[in-house]
C-alpha atoms as a PDB file:
ATOM      1  CA  LEU A   1       0.325  -0.070  -0.025  1.00  0.00           C
ATOM      2  CA  CYS A   2       1.323   3.579  -1.133  1.00  0.00           C
ATOM      3  CA  ARG A   3       4.587   1.600  -1.773  1.00  0.00           C
ATOM      4  CA  ALA A   4       5.384   0.521   1.775  1.00  0.00           C
ATOM      5  CA  PRO A   5       6.297  -2.956   2.426  1.00  0.00           C
ATOM      6  CA  ILE A   6       4.669  -2.777   5.690  1.00  0.00           C
ATOM      7  CA  ALA A   7       0.768  -2.781   6.504  1.00  0.00           C
ATOM      8  CA  ILE A   8      -1.254  -3.821   9.282  1.00  0.00           C
ATOM      9  CA  VAL A   9      -4.575  -3.506  10.632  1.00  0.00           C
ATOM     10  CA  MET A  10      -4.734  -4.035  14.150  1.00  0.00           C
ATOM     11  CA  LEU A  11      -7.922  -4.804  16.373  1.00  0.00           C
ATOM     12  CA  VAL A  12      -7.628  -3.173  20.152  1.00  0.00           C
ATOM     13  CA  GLN A  13      -9.451  -3.808  23.589  1.00  0.00           C
ATOM     14  CA  GLY A  14      -8.950  -0.688  26.048  1.00  0.00           C
ATOM     15  CA  ARG A  15      -5.306  -0.165  25.854  1.00  0.00           C
ATOM     16  CA  ARG A  16      -4.296  -3.461  25.317  1.00  0.00           C
ATOM     17  CA  GLN A  17      -2.852  -5.259  22.361  1.00  0.00           C
ATOM     18  CA  TRP A  18      -1.940  -8.459  20.813  1.00  0.00           C
ATOM     19  CA  VAL A  19       0.334  -9.460  18.094  1.00  0.00           C
ATOM     20  CA  SER A  20       2.020 -12.628  16.871  1.00  0.00           C
ATOM     21  CA  GLY A  21       5.862 -12.951  15.897  1.00  0.00           C
ATOM     22  CA  VAL A  22       6.539 -11.578  19.702  1.00  0.00           C
ATOM     23  CA  ASP A  23       9.068 -13.229  22.031  1.00  0.00           C
ATOM     24  CA  ASP A  24      10.874 -15.246  19.452  1.00  0.00           C
ATOM     25  CA  GLY A  25       8.203 -16.618  16.958  1.00  0.00           C
ATOM     26  CA  LYS A  26       5.692 -16.569  20.199  1.00  0.00           C
ATOM     27  CA  GLY A  27       2.154 -14.910  19.765  1.00  0.00           C
ATOM     28  CA  GLY A  28       1.827 -12.151  23.019  1.00  0.00           C
ATOM     29  CA  GLU A  29       0.716  -9.305  24.117  1.00  0.00           C
ATOM     30  CA  VAL A  30       2.813  -6.022  23.357  1.00  0.00           C
ATOM     31  CA  ASP A  31       3.411  -3.250  25.861  1.00  0.00           C
ATOM     32  CA  LEU A  32       1.245  -0.533  24.498  1.00  0.00           C
ATOM     33  CA  GLU A  33       2.842   2.120  26.713  1.00  0.00           C
ATOM     34  CA  ALA A  34       6.517   1.404  25.413  1.00  0.00           C
ATOM     35  CA  SER A  35       5.607   0.947  21.661  1.00  0.00           C
ATOM     36  CA  TYR A  36       5.237   3.069  19.097  1.00  0.00           C
ATOM     37  CA  ASP A  37       1.603   2.435  18.289  1.00  0.00           C
ATOM     38  CA  ALA A  38       0.847   4.388  21.700  1.00  0.00           C
ATOM     39  CA  LEU A  39       0.885   7.338  19.640  1.00  0.00           C
ATOM     40  CA  SER A  40      -1.799   6.878  17.935  1.00  0.00           C
ATOM     41  CA  LEU A  41      -3.802   5.057  20.612  1.00  0.00           C
ATOM     42  CA  MET A  42      -3.438   7.888  23.074  1.00  0.00           C
ATOM     43  CA  GLY A  43      -4.120  10.772  20.999  1.00  0.00           C
ATOM     44  CA  GLU A  44      -7.341  11.439  18.678  1.00  0.00           C
ATOM     45  CA  GLY A  45      -6.214  11.962  15.106  1.00  0.00           C
ATOM     46  CA  PRO A  46      -2.901   9.637  13.252  1.00  0.00           C
ATOM     47  CA  ALA A  47       0.695   9.333  14.667  1.00  0.00           C
ATOM     48  CA  ILE A  48       2.883  10.349  11.648  1.00  0.00           C
ATOM     49  CA  VAL A  49       6.308   9.486  12.213  1.00  0.00           C
ATOM     50  CA  THR A  50       9.272  10.343   9.543  1.00  0.00           C
ATOM     51  CA  ASP A  51      12.314   8.489  11.610  1.00  0.00           C
ATOM     52  CA  THR A  52      11.918   6.774  14.907  1.00  0.00           C
ATOM     53  CA  ALA A  53      14.933   7.193  15.803  1.00  0.00           C
ATOM     54  CA  SER A  54      14.025  10.761  16.666  1.00  0.00           C
ATOM     55  CA  LEU A  55      11.281   9.695  19.017  1.00  0.00           C
ATOM     56  CA  THR A  56      12.149   9.398  22.738  1.00  0.00           C
ATOM     57  CA  GLY A  57       9.804   7.626  25.886  1.00  0.00           C
ATOM     58  CA  PHE A  58       9.900   4.293  23.550  1.00  0.00           C
ATOM     59  CA  ASP A  59      11.950   1.040  23.848  1.00  0.00           C
ATOM     60  CA  HIS A  60      13.765   1.276  20.523  1.00  0.00           C
ATOM     61  CA  GLN A  61      15.610  -2.155  21.484  1.00  0.00           C
ATOM     62  CA  SER A  62      12.698  -4.003  22.124  1.00  0.00           C
ATOM     63  CA  VAL A  63      11.853  -7.391  20.146  1.00  0.00           C
ATOM     64  CA  HIS A  64       9.012  -5.589  18.684  1.00  0.00           C
ATOM     65  CA  ALA A  65      10.772  -2.975  17.474  1.00  0.00           C
ATOM     66  CA  THR A  66      14.311  -4.390  16.352  1.00  0.00           C
ATOM     67  CA  ARG A  67      12.785  -7.293  14.430  1.00  0.00           C
ATOM     68  CA  SER A  68      10.562  -5.215  12.483  1.00  0.00           C
ATOM     69  CA  GLY A  69      13.141  -2.466  11.568  1.00  0.00           C
ATOM     70  CA  VAL A  70      10.503   0.221  10.942  1.00  0.00           C
ATOM     71  CA  ARG A  71      11.992   3.445  10.671  1.00  0.00           C
ATOM     72  CA  ALA A  72       8.934   5.368   9.583  1.00  0.00           C
ATOM     73  CA  PHE A  73       5.525   4.776  10.209  1.00  0.00           C
ATOM     74  CA  ILE A  74       1.658   6.114  10.094  1.00  0.00           C
ATOM     75  CA  ALA A  75      -0.816   4.987  12.742  1.00  0.00           C
ATOM     76  CA  GLN A  76      -4.419   5.991  11.612  1.00  0.00           C
ATOM     77  CA  PRO A  77      -6.869   4.949  14.488  1.00  0.00           C
ATOM     78  CA  MET A  78      -9.998   3.616  13.753  1.00  0.00           C
ATOM     79  CA  LYS A  79     -13.263   4.619  15.636  1.00  0.00           C
ATOM     80  CA  PHE A  80     -16.611   2.839  16.377  1.00  0.00           C
ATOM     81  CA  GLU A  81     -19.130   4.786  18.247  1.00  0.00           C
ATOM     82  CA  GLY A  82     -16.748   7.429  19.499  1.00  0.00           C
ATOM     83  CA  ALA A  83     -14.063   4.537  20.701  1.00  0.00           C
ATOM     84  CA  ILE A  84     -10.749   3.743  19.181  1.00  0.00           C
ATOM     85  CA  VAL A  85     -11.172  -0.505  18.513  1.00  0.00           C
ATOM     86  CA  GLY A  86      -8.118  -0.209  16.426  1.00  0.00           C
ATOM     87  CA  TYR A  87      -5.977   1.429  13.801  1.00  0.00           C
ATOM     88  CA  ILE A  88      -4.353   1.062  10.028  1.00  0.00           C
ATOM     89  CA  TYR A  89      -0.473   0.757  10.513  1.00  0.00           C
ATOM     90  CA  LEU A  90       1.580   1.673   7.365  1.00  0.00           C
ATOM     91  CA  ALA A  91       5.523   1.384   7.991  1.00  0.00           C
ATOM     92  CA  ASP A  92       8.605   1.707   5.930  1.00  0.00           C
ATOM     93  CA  GLN A  93      12.166   0.523   7.261  1.00  0.00           C
ATOM     94  CA  ARG A  94      14.001   3.303   6.145  1.00  0.00           C
ATOM     95  CA  PRO A  95      13.126   7.165   6.863  1.00  0.00           C
ATOM     96  CA  ARG A  96      10.572   8.303   4.913  1.00  0.00           C
ATOM     97  CA  GLU A  97       8.197  11.668   4.580  1.00  0.00           C
ATOM     98  CA  TRP A  98       4.696  11.164   4.416  1.00  0.00           C
ATOM     99  CA  GLY A  99       2.704  13.050   1.985  1.00  0.00           C
ATOM    100  CA  GLU A 100      -0.795  14.175   1.822  1.00  0.00           C
ATOM    101  CA  PRO A 101      -1.884  11.170  -0.671  1.00  0.00           C
ATOM    102  CA  GLU A 102      -0.675   8.361   2.086  1.00  0.00           C
ATOM    103  CA  ILE A 103      -2.371  10.375   4.925  1.00  0.00           C
ATOM    104  CA  GLY A 104      -5.814  11.282   2.731  1.00  0.00           C
ATOM    105  CA  TYR A 105      -5.617   7.257   2.194  1.00  0.00           C
ATOM    106  CA  MET A 106      -5.097   6.233   5.584  1.00  0.00           C
ATOM    107  CA  GLU A 107      -7.849   8.150   6.638  1.00  0.00           C
ATOM    108  CA  ARG A 108     -10.550   6.860   4.176  1.00  0.00           C
ATOM    109  CA  ALA A 109      -9.077   3.511   4.954  1.00  0.00           C
ATOM    110  CA  ALA A 110      -9.888   3.990   8.822  1.00  0.00           C
ATOM    111  CA  ARG A 111     -12.950   5.398   7.888  1.00  0.00           C
ATOM    112  CA  LEU A 112     -14.064   2.125   5.621  1.00  0.00           C
ATOM    113  CA  MET A 113     -12.678  -0.290   8.486  1.00  0.00           C
ATOM    114  CA  ALA A 114     -14.639   1.356  10.860  1.00  0.00           C
ATOM    115  CA  ALA A 115     -17.707   0.797   9.044  1.00  0.00           C
ATOM    116  CA  HIS A 116     -16.683  -2.431   8.691  1.00  0.00           C
ATOM    117  CA  VAL A 117     -16.979  -3.385  12.326  1.00  0.00           C
ATOM    118  CA  GLU A 118     -20.080  -1.006  12.891  1.00  0.00           C
ATOM    119  CA  ALA A 119     -21.292  -3.468   9.872  1.00  0.00           C
ATOM    120  CA  ARG A 120     -20.148  -6.802  11.656  1.00  0.00           C
ATOM    121  CA  SER A 121     -21.265  -5.487  15.262  1.00  0.00           C
ATOM    122  CA  VAL A 122     -24.716  -5.189  13.701  1.00  0.00           C
ATOM    123  CA  ILE A 123     -24.903  -8.367  12.348  1.00  0.00           C
ATOM    124  CA  GLU A 124     -24.170  -9.962  15.488  1.00  0.00           C
ATOM    125  CA  GLU A 125     -26.405  -8.043  17.538  1.00  0.00           C
ATOM    126  CA  LYS A 126     -29.024  -9.658  14.942  1.00  0.00           C
ATOM    127  CA  ASP A 127     -28.102 -12.832  15.476  1.00  0.00           C
ATOM    128  CA  ARG A 128     -27.782 -12.665  19.116  1.00  0.00           C
ATOM    129  CA  ARG A 129     -31.340 -11.683  19.072  1.00  0.00           C
ATOM    130  CA  LEU A 130     -32.562 -14.246  16.988  1.00  0.00           C
ATOM    131  CA  GLU A 131     -31.148 -17.043  19.086  1.00  0.00           C
ATOM    132  CA  LEU A 132     -32.445 -15.315  22.032  1.00  0.00           C
ATOM    133  CA  GLU A 133     -36.111 -15.174  20.438  1.00  0.00           C
ATOM    134  CA  THR A 134     -35.649 -18.815  19.392  1.00  0.00           C
ATOM    135  CA  GLU A 135     -34.795 -19.992  22.603  1.00  0.00           C
ATOM    136  CA  LEU A 136     -38.061 -17.416  24.178  1.00  0.00           C
ATOM    137  CA  ALA A 137     -40.064 -19.373  21.710  1.00  0.00           C
ATOM    138  CA  ARG A 138     -38.647 -23.166  22.884  1.00  0.00           C
ATOM    139  CA  VAL A 139     -38.961 -21.948  26.284  1.00  0.00           C
ATOM    140  CA  GLY A 140     -42.427 -20.601  25.768  1.00  0.00           C
ATOM    141  CA  GLU A 141     -43.398 -23.930  24.265  1.00  0.00           C
ATOM    142  CA  ARG A 142     -42.468 -25.888  26.985  1.00  0.00           C
ATOM    143  CA  TYR A 143     -44.259 -23.824  29.518  1.00  0.00           C
ATOM    144  CA  ARG A 144     -47.700 -23.980  27.558  1.00  0.00           C
ATOM    145  CA  ILE A 145     -47.190 -28.178  27.436  1.00  0.00           C
ATOM    146  CA  ILE A 146     -46.589 -28.071  31.665  1.00  0.00           C
ATOM    147  CA  PHE A 147     -49.474 -25.775  31.807  1.00  0.00           C
ATOM    148  CA  GLU A 148     -52.173 -27.170  29.642  1.00  0.00           C
ATOM    149  CA  ASN A 149     -51.301 -30.739  31.198  1.00  0.00           C
ATOM    150  CA  LEU A 150     -51.217 -30.041  35.076  1.00  0.00           C
ATOM    151  CA  SER A 151     -53.962 -31.718  36.893  1.00  0.00           C
ATOM    152  CA  GLU A 152     -53.874 -28.908  39.535  1.00  0.00           C
ATOM    153  CA  GLY A 153     -55.750 -25.904  38.228  1.00  0.00           C
ATOM    154  CA  VAL A 154     -53.833 -22.922  37.838  1.00  0.00           C
ATOM    155  CA  SER A 155     -55.471 -19.111  36.832  1.00  0.00           C
ATOM    156  CA  VAL A 156     -53.491 -16.115  36.128  1.00  0.00           C
ATOM    157  CA  MET A 157     -54.647 -12.632  37.495  1.00  0.00           C
ATOM    158  CA  ASN A 158     -54.299  -9.273  36.018  1.00  0.00           C
ATOM    159  CA  ALA A 159     -53.606  -6.194  38.655  1.00  0.00           C
ATOM    160  CA  ASP A 160     -57.555  -5.936  38.830  1.00  0.00           C
ATOM    161  CA  GLY A 161     -58.131  -9.430  39.741  1.00  0.00           C
ATOM    162  CA  GLU A 162     -59.376 -10.558  37.066  1.00  0.00           C
ATOM    163  CA  ILE A 163     -58.499 -14.237  35.420  1.00  0.00           C
ATOM    164  CA  ILE A 164     -57.028 -13.674  32.377  1.00  0.00           C
ATOM    165  CA  LYS A 165     -55.809 -16.948  31.830  1.00  0.00           C
ATOM    166  CA  ALA A 166     -56.532 -20.769  33.207  1.00  0.00           C
ATOM    167  CA  ASN A 167     -55.306 -24.176  32.519  1.00  0.00           C
ATOM    168  CA  PRO A 168     -58.036 -26.720  31.059  1.00  0.00           C
ATOM    169  CA  ALA A 169     -57.976 -28.375  34.754  1.00  0.00           C
ATOM    170  CA  ALA A 170     -58.724 -25.098  36.509  1.00  0.00           C
ATOM    171  CA  PRO A 171     -62.481 -24.465  34.805  1.00  0.00           C
ATOM    172  CA  ARG A 172     -63.229 -28.239  35.439  1.00  0.00           C
ATOM    173  CA  LEU A 173     -62.387 -28.432  39.077  1.00  0.00           C
ATOM    174  CA  LEU A 174     -64.717 -25.453  39.395  1.00  0.00           C
ATOM    175  CA  GLY A 175     -67.333 -26.953  37.474  1.00  0.00           C
ATOM    176  CA  LEU A 176     -67.274 -24.184  35.051  1.00  0.00           C
ATOM    177  CA  THR A 177     -66.573 -23.649  31.394  1.00  0.00           C
ATOM    178  CA  MET A 178     -63.756 -21.574  30.266  1.00  0.00           C
ATOM    179  CA  ASP A 179     -65.819 -18.543  28.906  1.00  0.00           C
ATOM    180  CA  GLN A 180     -67.477 -18.483  32.223  1.00  0.00           C
ATOM    181  CA  MET A 181     -64.009 -18.723  34.448  1.00  0.00           C
ATOM    182  CA  LEU A 182     -62.330 -15.851  32.221  1.00  0.00           C
ATOM    183  CA  GLY A 183     -62.810 -12.411  33.519  1.00  0.00           C
ATOM    184  CA  ARG A 184     -64.190 -13.206  37.213  1.00  0.00           C
ATOM    185  CA  THR A 185     -62.660 -11.987  40.436  1.00  0.00           C
ATOM    186  CA  PRO A 186     -62.223 -13.588  43.722  1.00  0.00           C
ATOM    187  CA  MET A 187     -64.917 -11.372  44.385  1.00  0.00           C
ATOM    188  CA  HIS A 188     -67.723 -12.739  41.896  1.00  0.00           C
ATOM    189  CA  ASP A 189     -71.165 -12.940  43.397  1.00  0.00           C
ATOM    190  CA  GLN A 190     -71.117 -16.720  42.658  1.00  0.00           C
ATOM    191  CA  TRP A 191     -67.944 -17.510  44.613  1.00  0.00           C
ATOM    192  CA  ARG A 192     -67.765 -17.470  48.527  1.00  0.00           C
ATOM    193  CA  PHE A 193     -64.573 -18.917  50.069  1.00  0.00           C
ATOM    194  CA  ILE A 194     -63.902 -20.633  53.092  1.00  0.00           C
ATOM    195  CA  ASP A 195     -61.186 -21.808  55.090  1.00  0.00           C
ATOM    196  CA  ASP A 196     -60.340 -25.181  56.069  1.00  0.00           C
ATOM    197  CA  GLY A 197     -62.717 -24.803  59.120  1.00  0.00           C
ATOM    198  CA  GLY A 198     -65.840 -24.053  56.929  1.00  0.00           C
ATOM    199  CA  SER A 199     -65.458 -20.039  58.380  1.00  0.00           C
ATOM    200  CA  PRO A 200     -65.857 -17.482  55.379  1.00  0.00           C
ATOM    201  CA  ILE A 201     -62.748 -15.522  54.308  1.00  0.00           C
ATOM    202  CA  PRO A 202     -63.190 -11.871  53.889  1.00  0.00           C
ATOM    203  CA  ASN A 203     -62.076 -10.593  50.924  1.00  0.00           C
ATOM    204  CA  ASP A 204     -59.551  -8.364  52.191  1.00  0.00           C
ATOM    205  CA  GLN A 205     -57.840 -11.626  53.433  1.00  0.00           C
ATOM    206  CA  ASN A 206     -58.186 -13.716  49.971  1.00  0.00           C
ATOM    207  CA  ILE A 207     -54.867 -14.938  49.322  1.00  0.00           C
ATOM    208  CA  ALA A 208     -54.739 -13.997  45.485  1.00  0.00           C
ATOM    209  CA  LEU A 209     -55.844 -10.432  46.370  1.00  0.00           C
ATOM    210  CA  VAL A 210     -53.825  -9.974  49.355  1.00  0.00           C
ATOM    211  CA  ALA A 211     -50.638 -11.393  46.976  1.00  0.00           C
ATOM    212  CA  LEU A 212     -51.825  -8.833  44.036  1.00  0.00           C
ATOM    213  CA  ARG A 213     -52.047  -6.044  47.225  1.00  0.00           C
ATOM    214  CA  THR A 214     -48.413  -6.998  48.272  1.00  0.00           C
ATOM    215  CA  GLY A 215     -46.700  -7.898  45.548  1.00  0.00           C
ATOM    216  CA  ARG A 216     -45.477 -11.149  47.662  1.00  0.00           C
ATOM    217  CA  PRO A 217     -46.380 -14.583  47.320  1.00  0.00           C
ATOM    218  CA  GLN A 218     -49.126 -16.303  49.679  1.00  0.00           C
ATOM    219  CA  LEU A 219     -49.468 -19.646  51.112  1.00  0.00           C
ATOM    220  CA  GLY A 220     -52.883 -21.116  52.209  1.00  0.00           C
ATOM    221  CA  LEU A 221     -55.726 -23.257  51.881  1.00  0.00           C
ATOM    222  CA  PHE A 222     -59.068 -22.283  51.411  1.00  0.00           C
ATOM    223  CA  ARG A 223     -62.320 -24.063  49.154  1.00  0.00           C
ATOM    224  CA  ALA A 224     -64.425 -22.160  47.087  1.00  0.00           C
END
């Protein structure tokens, strides 16, 4: 690219980066604070260096520096959602003046690569949502099968205490049809709740209404 012998696209996470070919051929993490790439990641714009020998504060004798033989480079950061996610690195093994064509090319390439990262992120998010929707559908189907086949009666009430859903066993145990049961509340005229001793239960002590009022689970035994 741009007649430079070295061109790299590097993705980073936070202030850490990983490359292959470090430490005698083994892949590993590069100390960002001591690498040339820090110039790009620490700033908002590109790092443009005509001769690395003029830089201070970097370990020019490190394995990373000496093996690459880099003497001049441009490191253009790539941004996604305001954060630096990597950089495009163009380097030469001799001192070199970088002109406007190379700098402009790197800016355009960084925008294109950032758009690619964004597109991949959107696709991955859609895939995650599809997987979640599929799993929710499976869980919902398992719940439906269990709910409809329970021998015990189960009813679901809304915030007003009206029955909005019931399994087949619920109306059967109460001698009702499903249509008769839906929409009823525990205070329906045809229902009278009594405790295990046969005494009437006041409406304000009905465990279903107490659960709705307090938002806490209630346990008890009563008869309708």
